Amino acid sequence: MLRSLTLSLLLLLCAFLNVHHSFAQWVRIENGKLWLTAEGDTVQAHAPGFLREGDTWYMVGEDRSREYRPDVNLYKSTDLQHWTFVRKIIQNGVTSPELGASRMIERAKLLRNPRTGRYVVWCHWESSNYGASEAACFESDAVDGEYRLVWSGRPLGIKSRDCNVFQDLDGTAYFISTTEENRHLGLFRLAPDYLSAQSHTQLFPEQRREAPVVVRLGGRYYMFSSACSGWAPNQCKVSVSTRLDAGWSPLENIGDDKAFRTQIAAVLEIRGTRQTTYLYVGDRWKDPTLAETKTILFPITFHDGKCEFHYMDSFELNLQTGEWKR
């Protein structure tokens, strides 16, 4: 009987600890405020890209403290709210002699190559008048290590600007960018080491889309994008396909006509013990200045080839269970 009582007490203690741990994982996300580090510094990681390793989220993005000469910063967090500055991973005039000090480094996105174990950053690497229309690729042995410039130029000779990356379930990676004077989107399949483009497929010809973000759920791919309207927000649209290189459905409006005054940068997958939640990540550019651009997060849902936005000023998210609530 004593053994049975002891076992019951242990089970109750475990249940209490599980509930307490679950409760501790709830974080409140409030939109419309500047993200600050624990030291009170503004988080400079605009147009962010994300990589999750264990319980840690890494975020790279544009340091706009010099506004039109951005570097790329790396931050880390365990709750998507409290960010710690790690280091500058790409710095104008420092990272590489070839980089110089006059390039605009935009839309940096971070990947980990499962074959090589190395970390790769692709970005839009532009001149001050947007005449270069180039991309660049950097590599490091560690996520917080020294990044070196591997390559820069027009991928496969094609003019390339606003961009993103996508890593499929089999480890194949893609660089997706606005091509040929912002007229089309280009899907570039990367080499197995992620350091160069091997093939190109033109998508959405003459649709003038940018800020492409791809999400895969089961056998469907969803691509979000915005129109090219400078810093001004515009209608976010989504297309769906069962293949990356063909079969995309007509662009469909989603959210309001200004994407809640944002431009999409990423969609995060919060895979928990009870459910998987997807978070839209967008930039509220020049609010009020370029250096004070806000980062906006809110849940979105997918069902039967459709996507629905759930914008809200604030919500709570449980990083352990994957649940969210108002």
C-alpha atoms as a PDB file:
ATOM      1  CA  MET A   1       0.000   0.000   0.000  1.00  0.00           C
ATOM      2  CA  LEU A   2       2.855   2.345   0.832  1.00  0.00           C
ATOM      3  CA  ARG A   3       4.450   1.602  -2.521  1.00  0.00           C
ATOM      4  CA  SER A   4       1.127   2.354  -4.254  1.00  0.00           C
ATOM      5  CA  LEU A   5       0.756   5.638  -2.355  1.00  0.00           C
ATOM      6  CA  THR A   6       4.314   6.640  -3.229  1.00  0.00           C
ATOM      7  CA  LEU A   7       3.701   5.878  -6.903  1.00  0.00           C
ATOM      8  CA  SER A   8       0.508   7.936  -6.869  1.00  0.00           C
ATOM      9  CA  LEU A   9       2.326  10.900  -5.310  1.00  0.00           C
ATOM     10  CA  LEU A  10       5.062  10.655  -7.933  1.00  0.00           C
ATOM     11  CA  LEU A  11       2.482  10.617 -10.732  1.00  0.00           C
ATOM     12  CA  LEU A  12       0.758  13.667  -9.239  1.00  0.00           C
ATOM     13  CA  LEU A  13       4.099  15.458  -8.941  1.00  0.00           C
ATOM     14  CA  CYS A  14       4.941  14.679 -12.580  1.00  0.00           C
ATOM     15  CA  ALA A  15       1.540  15.920 -13.686  1.00  0.00           C
ATOM     16  CA  PHE A  16       2.007  19.115 -11.686  1.00  0.00           C
ATOM     17  CA  LEU A  17       5.451  19.688 -13.154  1.00  0.00           C
ATOM     18  CA  ASN A  18       4.152  19.096 -16.680  1.00  0.00           C
ATOM     19  CA  VAL A  19       1.311  21.565 -16.195  1.00  0.00           C
ATOM     20  CA  HIS A  20       3.657  24.087 -14.592  1.00  0.00           C
ATOM     21  CA  HIS A  21       6.187  23.687 -17.415  1.00  0.00           C
ATOM     22  CA  SER A  22       3.416  24.102 -20.000  1.00  0.00           C
ATOM     23  CA  PHE A  23       2.191  27.218 -18.239  1.00  0.00           C
ATOM     24  CA  ALA A  24       5.703  28.619 -18.129  1.00  0.00           C
ATOM     25  CA  GLN A  25       5.968  28.286 -21.909  1.00  0.00           C
ATOM     26  CA  TRP A  26       3.107  30.697 -22.614  1.00  0.00           C
ATOM     27  CA  VAL A  27       4.354  34.020 -23.955  1.00  0.00           C
ATOM     28  CA  ARG A  28       2.322  37.076 -24.894  1.00  0.00           C
ATOM     29  CA  ILE A  29       3.171  38.590 -28.247  1.00  0.00           C
ATOM     30  CA  GLU A  30       2.153  42.213 -28.702  1.00  0.00           C
ATOM     31  CA  ASN A  31       2.261  43.836 -32.109  1.00  0.00           C
ATOM     32  CA  GLY A  32       3.065  47.450 -32.883  1.00  0.00           C
ATOM     33  CA  LYS A  33       5.996  47.807 -30.499  1.00  0.00           C
ATOM     34  CA  LEU A  34       9.714  47.901 -31.143  1.00  0.00           C
ATOM     35  CA  TRP A  35      11.518  44.698 -30.234  1.00  0.00           C
ATOM     36  CA  LEU A  36      14.257  45.428 -27.692  1.00  0.00           C
ATOM     37  CA  THR A  37      17.103  43.346 -26.300  1.00  0.00           C
ATOM     38  CA  ALA A  38      17.533  42.870 -22.545  1.00  0.00           C
ATOM     39  CA  GLU A  39      20.003  45.765 -22.688  1.00  0.00           C
ATOM     40  CA  GLY A  40      17.332  48.014 -24.180  1.00  0.00           C
ATOM     41  CA  ASP A  41      18.812  48.179 -27.674  1.00  0.00           C
ATOM     42  CA  THR A  42      16.529  48.106 -30.705  1.00  0.00           C
ATOM     43  CA  VAL A  43      16.537  44.720 -32.422  1.00  0.00           C
ATOM     44  CA  GLN A  44      17.891  45.422 -35.892  1.00  0.00           C
ATOM     45  CA  ALA A  45      16.862  42.390 -37.958  1.00  0.00           C
ATOM     46  CA  HIS A  46      14.428  43.644 -40.557  1.00  0.00           C
ATOM     47  CA  ALA A  47      13.131  41.385 -43.368  1.00  0.00           C
ATOM     48  CA  PRO A  48      14.141  38.540 -41.036  1.00  0.00           C
ATOM     49  CA  GLY A  49      15.020  34.940 -41.737  1.00  0.00           C
ATOM     50  CA  PHE A  50      14.789  32.222 -39.072  1.00  0.00           C
ATOM     51  CA  LEU A  51      16.405  28.921 -38.179  1.00  0.00           C
ATOM     52  CA  ARG A  52      15.409  26.755 -35.212  1.00  0.00           C
ATOM     53  CA  GLU A  53      17.895  24.471 -33.492  1.00  0.00           C
ATOM     54  CA  GLY A  54      16.517  22.644 -30.455  1.00  0.00           C
ATOM     55  CA  ASP A  55      14.754  25.182 -28.268  1.00  0.00           C
ATOM     56  CA  THR A  56      16.657  28.132 -29.736  1.00  0.00           C
ATOM     57  CA  TRP A  57      15.459  30.324 -32.578  1.00  0.00           C
ATOM     58  CA  TYR A  58      18.100  32.177 -34.580  1.00  0.00           C
ATOM     59  CA  MET A  59      17.081  35.264 -36.526  1.00  0.00           C
ATOM     60  CA  VAL A  60      19.071  37.097 -39.188  1.00  0.00           C
ATOM     61  CA  GLY A  61      18.015  40.387 -40.693  1.00  0.00           C
ATOM     62  CA  GLU A  62      18.921  43.818 -41.946  1.00  0.00           C
ATOM     63  CA  ASP A  63      20.599  46.225 -39.540  1.00  0.00           C
ATOM     64  CA  ARG A  64      19.014  49.473 -40.669  1.00  0.00           C
ATOM     65  CA  SER A  65      20.648  51.698 -38.045  1.00  0.00           C
ATOM     66  CA  ARG A  66      22.533  53.243 -40.968  1.00  0.00           C
ATOM     67  CA  GLU A  67      19.314  52.952 -42.982  1.00  0.00           C
ATOM     68  CA  TYR A  68      20.616  52.657 -46.550  1.00  0.00           C
ATOM     69  CA  ARG A  69      23.882  50.797 -45.847  1.00  0.00           C
ATOM     70  CA  PRO A  70      22.541  47.761 -43.984  1.00  0.00           C
ATOM     71  CA  ASP A  71      24.639  45.050 -42.401  1.00  0.00           C
ATOM     72  CA  VAL A  72      23.245  41.668 -41.333  1.00  0.00           C
ATOM     73  CA  ASN A  73      22.778  40.887 -37.635  1.00  0.00           C
ATOM     74  CA  LEU A  74      22.240  37.559 -35.866  1.00  0.00           C
ATOM     75  CA  TYR A  75      20.038  37.250 -32.759  1.00  0.00           C
ATOM     76  CA  LYS A  76      18.803  34.288 -30.714  1.00  0.00           C
ATOM     77  CA  SER A  77      15.757  33.626 -28.540  1.00  0.00           C
ATOM     78  CA  THR A  78      13.897  30.771 -26.854  1.00  0.00           C
ATOM     79  CA  ASP A  79      10.476  32.476 -26.861  1.00  0.00           C
ATOM     80  CA  LEU A  80      10.397  34.679 -30.003  1.00  0.00           C
ATOM     81  CA  GLN A  81      10.054  37.737 -27.763  1.00  0.00           C
ATOM     82  CA  HIS A  82      13.284  38.165 -25.814  1.00  0.00           C
ATOM     83  CA  TRP A  83      16.136  38.442 -28.281  1.00  0.00           C
ATOM     84  CA  THR A  84      19.854  38.400 -27.543  1.00  0.00           C
ATOM     85  CA  PHE A  85      22.269  40.010 -29.964  1.00  0.00           C
ATOM     86  CA  VAL A  86      24.888  37.474 -31.077  1.00  0.00           C
ATOM     87  CA  ARG A  87      26.992  39.285 -33.663  1.00  0.00           C
ATOM     88  CA  LYS A  88      27.120  40.945 -37.040  1.00  0.00           C
ATOM     89  CA  ILE A  89      27.537  38.103 -39.515  1.00  0.00           C
ATOM     90  CA  ILE A  90      27.823  40.248 -42.661  1.00  0.00           C
ATOM     91  CA  GLN A  91      29.282  43.724 -42.376  1.00  0.00           C
ATOM     92  CA  ASN A  92      29.796  46.304 -45.088  1.00  0.00           C
ATOM     93  CA  GLY A  93      33.471  46.780 -45.830  1.00  0.00           C
ATOM     94  CA  VAL A  94      34.577  44.160 -43.288  1.00  0.00           C
ATOM     95  CA  THR A  95      33.292  40.666 -44.124  1.00  0.00           C
ATOM     96  CA  SER A  96      35.063  40.551 -47.474  1.00  0.00           C
ATOM     97  CA  PRO A  97      37.216  42.983 -49.475  1.00  0.00           C
ATOM     98  CA  GLU A  98      34.959  42.246 -52.450  1.00  0.00           C
ATOM     99  CA  LEU A  99      31.922  43.327 -50.461  1.00  0.00           C
ATOM    100  CA  GLY A 100      33.126  46.919 -50.229  1.00  0.00           C
ATOM    101  CA  ALA A 101      31.204  49.484 -48.209  1.00  0.00           C
ATOM    102  CA  SER A 102      28.575  50.679 -50.670  1.00  0.00           C
ATOM    103  CA  ARG A 103      26.403  47.610 -51.167  1.00  0.00           C
ATOM    104  CA  MET A 104      22.865  47.233 -49.822  1.00  0.00           C
ATOM    105  CA  ILE A 105      22.480  43.817 -48.234  1.00  0.00           C
ATOM    106  CA  GLU A 106      18.793  42.913 -48.119  1.00  0.00           C
ATOM    107  CA  ARG A 107      16.552  39.910 -47.283  1.00  0.00           C
ATOM    108  CA  ALA A 108      19.282  37.758 -45.717  1.00  0.00           C
ATOM    109  CA  LYS A 109      18.008  34.209 -45.136  1.00  0.00           C
ATOM    110  CA  LEU A 110      19.678  31.432 -43.152  1.00  0.00           C
ATOM    111  CA  LEU A 111      19.876  27.699 -43.915  1.00  0.00           C
ATOM    112  CA  ARG A 112      21.624  24.733 -42.353  1.00  0.00           C
ATOM    113  CA  ASN A 113      22.822  22.154 -44.849  1.00  0.00           C
ATOM    114  CA  PRO A 114      22.100  18.670 -43.412  1.00  0.00           C
ATOM    115  CA  ARG A 115      24.715  17.077 -45.682  1.00  0.00           C
ATOM    116  CA  THR A 116      27.651  19.350 -44.857  1.00  0.00           C
ATOM    117  CA  GLY A 117      26.542  20.584 -41.436  1.00  0.00           C
ATOM    118  CA  ARG A 118      27.432  24.136 -42.510  1.00  0.00           C
ATOM    119  CA  TYR A 119      25.348  27.284 -42.330  1.00  0.00           C
ATOM    120  CA  VAL A 120      24.566  29.252 -45.464  1.00  0.00           C
ATOM    121  CA  VAL A 121      23.136  32.745 -45.953  1.00  0.00           C
ATOM    122  CA  TRP A 122      21.661  33.906 -49.247  1.00  0.00           C
ATOM    123  CA  CYS A 123      20.710  37.550 -49.741  1.00  0.00           C
ATOM    124  CA  HIS A 124      19.949  40.319 -52.209  1.00  0.00           C
ATOM    125  CA  TRP A 125      23.249  42.141 -52.795  1.00  0.00           C
ATOM    126  CA  GLU A 126      22.526  45.436 -54.436  1.00  0.00           C
ATOM    127  CA  SER A 127      24.073  48.717 -55.558  1.00  0.00           C
ATOM    128  CA  SER A 128      22.676  52.047 -54.394  1.00  0.00           C
ATOM    129  CA  ASN A 129      20.683  52.557 -57.604  1.00  0.00           C
ATOM    130  CA  TYR A 130      19.489  48.929 -57.835  1.00  0.00           C
ATOM    131  CA  GLY A 131      21.386  48.544 -61.042  1.00  0.00           C
ATOM    132  CA  ALA A 132      23.471  45.547 -59.961  1.00  0.00           C
ATOM    133  CA  SER A 133      20.474  43.205 -59.470  1.00  0.00           C
ATOM    134  CA  GLU A 134      22.649  40.569 -57.815  1.00  0.00           C
ATOM    135  CA  ALA A 135      22.581  37.957 -55.080  1.00  0.00           C
ATOM    136  CA  ALA A 136      25.281  36.759 -52.699  1.00  0.00           C
ATOM    137  CA  CYS A 137      25.998  33.592 -50.745  1.00  0.00           C
ATOM    138  CA  PHE A 138      27.925  33.289 -47.464  1.00  0.00           C
ATOM    139  CA  GLU A 139      28.972  30.225 -45.463  1.00  0.00           C
ATOM    140  CA  SER A 140      30.061  29.423 -41.907  1.00  0.00           C
ATOM    141  CA  ASP A 141      30.991  26.294 -39.949  1.00  0.00           C
ATOM    142  CA  ALA A 142      28.831  27.440 -37.019  1.00  0.00           C
ATOM    143  CA  VAL A 143      25.572  29.356 -36.874  1.00  0.00           C
ATOM    144  CA  ASP A 144      27.263  32.056 -34.773  1.00  0.00           C
ATOM    145  CA  GLY A 145      30.649  31.743 -36.431  1.00  0.00           C
ATOM    146  CA  GLU A 146      32.583  33.700 -39.031  1.00  0.00           C
ATOM    147  CA  TYR A 147      30.741  33.929 -42.359  1.00  0.00           C
ATOM    148  CA  ARG A 148      32.754  34.189 -45.539  1.00  0.00           C
ATOM    149  CA  LEU A 149      31.617  35.364 -48.940  1.00  0.00           C
ATOM    150  CA  VAL A 150      31.437  32.374 -51.288  1.00  0.00           C
ATOM    151  CA  TRP A 151      29.882  33.914 -54.373  1.00  0.00           C
ATOM    152  CA  SER A 152      28.142  37.054 -55.634  1.00  0.00           C
ATOM    153  CA  GLY A 153      26.531  37.963 -58.940  1.00  0.00           C
ATOM    154  CA  ARG A 154      23.448  37.277 -60.982  1.00  0.00           C
ATOM    155  CA  PRO A 155      22.388  33.649 -60.439  1.00  0.00           C
ATOM    156  CA  LEU A 156      22.759  31.819 -63.760  1.00  0.00           C
ATOM    157  CA  GLY A 157      23.176  35.271 -65.338  1.00  0.00           C
ATOM    158  CA  ILE A 158      19.632  36.371 -64.413  1.00  0.00           C
ATOM    159  CA  LYS A 159      18.920  39.763 -62.822  1.00  0.00           C
ATOM    160  CA  SER A 160      17.843  39.055 -59.254  1.00  0.00           C
ATOM    161  CA  ARG A 161      16.524  41.299 -56.471  1.00  0.00           C
ATOM    162  CA  ASP A 162      14.066  40.768 -53.577  1.00  0.00           C
ATOM    163  CA  CYS A 163      14.443  37.178 -52.378  1.00  0.00           C
ATOM    164  CA  ASN A 164      13.936  34.293 -49.983  1.00  0.00           C
ATOM    165  CA  VAL A 165      14.984  30.648 -49.568  1.00  0.00           C
ATOM    166  CA  PHE A 166      13.057  27.406 -49.134  1.00  0.00           C
ATOM    167  CA  GLN A 167      14.299  24.053 -47.844  1.00  0.00           C
ATOM    168  CA  ASP A 168      12.169  21.048 -48.834  1.00  0.00           C
ATOM    169  CA  LEU A 169      11.624  17.917 -46.769  1.00  0.00           C
ATOM    170  CA  ASP A 170      14.288  15.984 -48.680  1.00  0.00           C
ATOM    171  CA  GLY A 171      16.891  18.669 -47.957  1.00  0.00           C
ATOM    172  CA  THR A 172      16.796  20.227 -51.429  1.00  0.00           C
ATOM    173  CA  ALA A 173      17.093  24.002 -51.118  1.00  0.00           C
ATOM    174  CA  TYR A 174      15.875  26.781 -53.380  1.00  0.00           C
ATOM    175  CA  PHE A 175      16.630  30.468 -53.789  1.00  0.00           C
ATOM    176  CA  ILE A 176      13.537  32.401 -54.926  1.00  0.00           C
ATOM    177  CA  SER A 177      13.853  35.962 -56.157  1.00  0.00           C
ATOM    178  CA  THR A 178      12.246  38.706 -58.185  1.00  0.00           C
ATOM    179  CA  THR A 179      13.897  38.570 -61.595  1.00  0.00           C
ATOM    180  CA  GLU A 180      14.436  40.662 -64.737  1.00  0.00           C
ATOM    181  CA  GLU A 181      13.572  44.140 -63.421  1.00  0.00           C
ATOM    182  CA  ASN A 182      10.966  42.793 -60.965  1.00  0.00           C
ATOM    183  CA  ARG A 183       8.840  41.277 -63.750  1.00  0.00           C
ATOM    184  CA  HIS A 184       8.828  37.625 -62.699  1.00  0.00           C
ATOM    185  CA  LEU A 185       9.675  35.323 -59.811  1.00  0.00           C
ATOM    186  CA  GLY A 186      12.578  32.948 -60.346  1.00  0.00           C
ATOM    187  CA  LEU A 187      12.884  29.549 -58.658  1.00  0.00           C
ATOM    188  CA  PHE A 188      16.565  28.574 -58.459  1.00  0.00           C
ATOM    189  CA  ARG A 189      17.363  25.045 -57.302  1.00  0.00           C
ATOM    190  CA  LEU A 190      20.586  25.127 -55.310  1.00  0.00           C
ATOM    191  CA  ALA A 191      23.478  22.691 -55.539  1.00  0.00           C
ATOM    192  CA  PRO A 192      23.708  20.012 -52.815  1.00  0.00           C
ATOM    193  CA  ASP A 193      26.146  22.236 -50.865  1.00  0.00           C
ATOM    194  CA  TYR A 194      23.700  25.205 -51.178  1.00  0.00           C
ATOM    195  CA  LEU A 195      26.501  27.441 -52.491  1.00  0.00           C
ATOM    196  CA  SER A 196      25.382  27.930 -56.098  1.00  0.00           C
ATOM    197  CA  ALA A 197      22.307  27.835 -58.318  1.00  0.00           C
ATOM    198  CA  GLN A 198      21.972  24.796 -60.583  1.00  0.00           C
ATOM    199  CA  SER A 199      18.726  25.426 -62.447  1.00  0.00           C
ATOM    200  CA  HIS A 200      16.086  28.110 -62.944  1.00  0.00           C
ATOM    201  CA  THR A 201      12.329  28.040 -63.466  1.00  0.00           C
ATOM    202  CA  GLN A 202      10.362  31.206 -64.196  1.00  0.00           C
ATOM    203  CA  LEU A 203       7.207  31.588 -62.106  1.00  0.00           C
ATOM    204  CA  PHE A 204       4.339  34.116 -62.257  1.00  0.00           C
ATOM    205  CA  PRO A 205       5.571  35.828 -65.452  1.00  0.00           C
ATOM    206  CA  GLU A 206       4.860  39.566 -65.685  1.00  0.00           C
ATOM    207  CA  GLN A 207       3.042  39.534 -62.321  1.00  0.00           C
ATOM    208  CA  ARG A 208       5.656  41.792 -60.639  1.00  0.00           C
ATOM    209  CA  ARG A 209       5.691  39.965 -57.290  1.00  0.00           C
ATOM    210  CA  GLU A 210       8.296  40.195 -54.524  1.00  0.00           C
ATOM    211  CA  ALA A 211       8.845  39.041 -50.912  1.00  0.00           C
ATOM    212  CA  PRO A 212       8.187  35.378 -51.817  1.00  0.00           C
ATOM    213  CA  VAL A 213       7.607  32.989 -48.898  1.00  0.00           C
ATOM    214  CA  VAL A 214       6.989  29.264 -49.425  1.00  0.00           C
ATOM    215  CA  VAL A 215       5.393  26.905 -46.887  1.00  0.00           C
ATOM    216  CA  ARG A 216       4.845  23.179 -47.358  1.00  0.00           C
ATOM    217  CA  LEU A 217       2.020  21.270 -45.688  1.00  0.00           C
ATOM    218  CA  GLY A 218       1.777  17.652 -46.704  1.00  0.00           C
ATOM    219  CA  GLY A 219       1.669  17.458 -50.475  1.00  0.00           C
ATOM    220  CA  ARG A 220       0.870  21.148 -51.023  1.00  0.00           C
ATOM    221  CA  TYR A 221       3.110  24.192 -51.381  1.00  0.00           C
ATOM    222  CA  TYR A 222       1.794  27.649 -50.517  1.00  0.00           C
ATOM    223  CA  MET A 223       3.571  30.719 -51.861  1.00  0.00           C
ATOM    224  CA  PHE A 224       2.878  34.156 -50.403  1.00  0.00           C
ATOM    225  CA  SER A 225       4.089  37.345 -52.062  1.00  0.00           C
ATOM    226  CA  SER A 226       3.500  41.067 -52.288  1.00  0.00           C
ATOM    227  CA  ALA A 227       3.401  43.524 -55.150  1.00  0.00           C
ATOM    228  CA  CYS A 228       6.352  45.823 -55.849  1.00  0.00           C
ATOM    229  CA  SER A 229       5.395  49.139 -54.250  1.00  0.00           C
ATOM    230  CA  GLY A 230       8.568  50.345 -52.540  1.00  0.00           C
ATOM    231  CA  TRP A 231       8.163  50.822 -48.796  1.00  0.00           C
ATOM    232  CA  ALA A 232       4.365  51.173 -49.044  1.00  0.00           C
ATOM    233  CA  PRO A 233       2.294  48.132 -47.969  1.00  0.00           C
ATOM    234  CA  ASN A 234       0.034  46.387 -50.463  1.00  0.00           C
ATOM    235  CA  GLN A 235      -2.205  43.359 -50.899  1.00  0.00           C
ATOM    236  CA  CYS A 236      -0.620  40.037 -49.899  1.00  0.00           C
ATOM    237  CA  LYS A 237      -1.532  37.196 -52.249  1.00  0.00           C
ATOM    238  CA  VAL A 238      -1.199  33.424 -52.056  1.00  0.00           C
ATOM    239  CA  SER A 239      -0.919  30.652 -54.636  1.00  0.00           C
ATOM    240  CA  VAL A 240      -1.008  26.876 -54.120  1.00  0.00           C
ATOM    241  CA  SER A 241       0.588  23.991 -56.004  1.00  0.00           C
ATOM    242  CA  THR A 242       1.514  20.350 -55.579  1.00  0.00           C
ATOM    243  CA  ARG A 243       4.826  21.065 -57.328  1.00  0.00           C
ATOM    244  CA  LEU A 244       7.322  23.854 -56.815  1.00  0.00           C
ATOM    245  CA  ASP A 245       8.188  24.283 -60.470  1.00  0.00           C
ATOM    246  CA  ALA A 246       4.698  24.230 -62.039  1.00  0.00           C
ATOM    247  CA  GLY A 247       0.959  24.110 -61.470  1.00  0.00           C
ATOM    248  CA  TRP A 248       0.590  27.203 -59.284  1.00  0.00           C
ATOM    249  CA  SER A 249      -2.997  28.370 -58.842  1.00  0.00           C
ATOM    250  CA  PRO A 250      -4.021  31.942 -59.748  1.00  0.00           C
ATOM    251  CA  LEU A 251      -2.919  34.515 -57.187  1.00  0.00           C
ATOM    252  CA  GLU A 252      -5.618  35.007 -54.555  1.00  0.00           C
ATOM    253  CA  ASN A 253      -6.007  37.949 -52.174  1.00  0.00           C
ATOM    254  CA  ILE A 254      -5.526  37.199 -48.489  1.00  0.00           C
ATOM    255  CA  GLY A 255      -5.977  39.493 -45.500  1.00  0.00           C
ATOM    256  CA  ASP A 256      -6.899  43.123 -46.059  1.00  0.00           C
ATOM    257  CA  ASP A 257      -5.734  45.271 -48.979  1.00  0.00           C
ATOM    258  CA  LYS A 258      -2.592  46.440 -47.132  1.00  0.00           C
ATOM    259  CA  ALA A 259      -1.622  43.136 -45.467  1.00  0.00           C
ATOM    260  CA  PHE A 260      -2.344  44.842 -42.141  1.00  0.00           C
ATOM    261  CA  ARG A 261       0.269  47.476 -43.085  1.00  0.00           C
ATOM    262  CA  THR A 262       3.020  44.859 -43.424  1.00  0.00           C
ATOM    263  CA  GLN A 263       5.078  43.017 -45.983  1.00  0.00           C
ATOM    264  CA  ILE A 264       5.573  39.295 -45.456  1.00  0.00           C
ATOM    265  CA  ALA A 265       9.069  38.105 -44.509  1.00  0.00           C
ATOM    266  CA  ALA A 266       8.572  34.540 -43.225  1.00  0.00           C
ATOM    267  CA  VAL A 267       6.119  31.954 -41.929  1.00  0.00           C
ATOM    268  CA  LEU A 268       7.246  30.146 -38.777  1.00  0.00           C
ATOM    269  CA  GLU A 269       6.201  26.599 -37.941  1.00  0.00           C
ATOM    270  CA  ILE A 270       5.665  26.095 -34.201  1.00  0.00           C
ATOM    271  CA  ARG A 271       5.470  22.318 -33.926  1.00  0.00           C
ATOM    272  CA  GLY A 272       4.308  21.456 -30.419  1.00  0.00           C
ATOM    273  CA  THR A 273       3.191  18.463 -28.400  1.00  0.00           C
ATOM    274  CA  ARG A 274      -0.503  19.171 -29.034  1.00  0.00           C
ATOM    275  CA  GLN A 275      -0.678  21.040 -32.341  1.00  0.00           C
ATOM    276  CA  THR A 276       1.303  22.916 -34.948  1.00  0.00           C
ATOM    277  CA  THR A 277       0.764  26.641 -35.258  1.00  0.00           C
ATOM    278  CA  TYR A 278       1.965  28.782 -38.160  1.00  0.00           C
ATOM    279  CA  LEU A 279       2.947  32.386 -37.567  1.00  0.00           C
ATOM    280  CA  TYR A 280       2.998  35.076 -40.215  1.00  0.00           C
ATOM    281  CA  VAL A 281       6.040  37.351 -39.834  1.00  0.00           C
ATOM    282  CA  GLY A 282       5.877  40.724 -41.557  1.00  0.00           C
ATOM    283  CA  ASP A 283       7.725  44.040 -41.605  1.00  0.00           C
ATOM    284  CA  ARG A 284       5.825  47.240 -40.908  1.00  0.00           C
ATOM    285  CA  TRP A 285       8.308  49.299 -42.879  1.00  0.00           C
ATOM    286  CA  LYS A 286       9.220  52.877 -41.911  1.00  0.00           C
ATOM    287  CA  ASP A 287       7.064  52.924 -38.776  1.00  0.00           C
ATOM    288  CA  PRO A 288       8.016  55.628 -38.065  1.00  0.00           C
ATOM    289  CA  THR A 289      11.508  55.403 -39.607  1.00  0.00           C
ATOM    290  CA  LEU A 290      13.342  52.724 -41.539  1.00  0.00           C
ATOM    291  CA  ALA A 291      15.525  51.926 -38.525  1.00  0.00           C
ATOM    292  CA  GLU A 292      12.396  51.580 -36.361  1.00  0.00           C
ATOM    293  CA  THR A 293      10.528  49.253 -38.699  1.00  0.00           C
ATOM    294  CA  LYS A 294       8.296  46.992 -36.593  1.00  0.00           C
ATOM    295  CA  THR A 295       8.136  43.186 -36.731  1.00  0.00           C
ATOM    296  CA  ILE A 296       4.559  41.851 -36.751  1.00  0.00           C
ATOM    297  CA  LEU A 297       3.524  38.280 -35.855  1.00  0.00           C
ATOM    298  CA  PHE A 298       0.105  36.644 -35.917  1.00  0.00           C
ATOM    299  CA  PRO A 299      -1.295  33.124 -36.421  1.00  0.00           C
ATOM    300  CA  ILE A 300      -2.441  31.858 -39.799  1.00  0.00           C
ATOM    301  CA  THR A 301      -4.237  28.588 -40.542  1.00  0.00           C
ATOM    302  CA  PHE A 302      -4.231  26.194 -43.507  1.00  0.00           C
ATOM    303  CA  HIS A 303      -7.047  23.874 -44.527  1.00  0.00           C
ATOM    304  CA  ASP A 304      -7.798  22.028 -47.776  1.00  0.00           C
ATOM    305  CA  GLY A 305      -5.612  24.235 -49.936  1.00  0.00           C
ATOM    306  CA  LYS A 306      -6.814  27.478 -48.344  1.00  0.00           C
ATOM    307  CA  CYS A 307      -5.123  29.838 -45.933  1.00  0.00           C
ATOM    308  CA  GLU A 308      -6.752  32.188 -43.456  1.00  0.00           C
ATOM    309  CA  PHE A 309      -5.203  35.115 -41.589  1.00  0.00           C
ATOM    310  CA  HIS A 310      -5.947  35.763 -37.919  1.00  0.00           C
ATOM    311  CA  TYR A 311      -4.434  39.194 -37.339  1.00  0.00           C
ATOM    312  CA  MET A 312      -4.633  40.528 -33.793  1.00  0.00           C
ATOM    313  CA  ASP A 313      -2.912  43.213 -31.768  1.00  0.00           C
ATOM    314  CA  SER A 314      -1.783  40.608 -29.233  1.00  0.00           C
ATOM    315  CA  PHE A 315      -2.070  36.903 -28.542  1.00  0.00           C
ATOM    316  CA  GLU A 316      -0.528  34.206 -26.372  1.00  0.00           C
ATOM    317  CA  LEU A 317       1.588  31.369 -27.707  1.00  0.00           C
ATOM    318  CA  ASN A 318       2.733  28.181 -26.009  1.00  0.00           C
ATOM    319  CA  LEU A 319       6.099  27.159 -27.426  1.00  0.00           C
ATOM    320  CA  GLN A 320       5.869  23.680 -25.889  1.00  0.00           C
ATOM    321  CA  THR A 321       2.376  22.617 -26.933  1.00  0.00           C
ATOM    322  CA  GLY A 322       2.107  24.712 -30.099  1.00  0.00           C
ATOM    323  CA  GLU A 323      -1.211  26.204 -28.956  1.00  0.00           C
ATOM    324  CA  TRP A 324      -2.225  29.840 -29.172  1.00  0.00           C
ATOM    325  CA  LYS A 325      -5.035  31.906 -27.706  1.00  0.00           C
ATOM    326  CA  ARG A 326      -6.198  35.504 -27.625  1.00  0.00           C
END
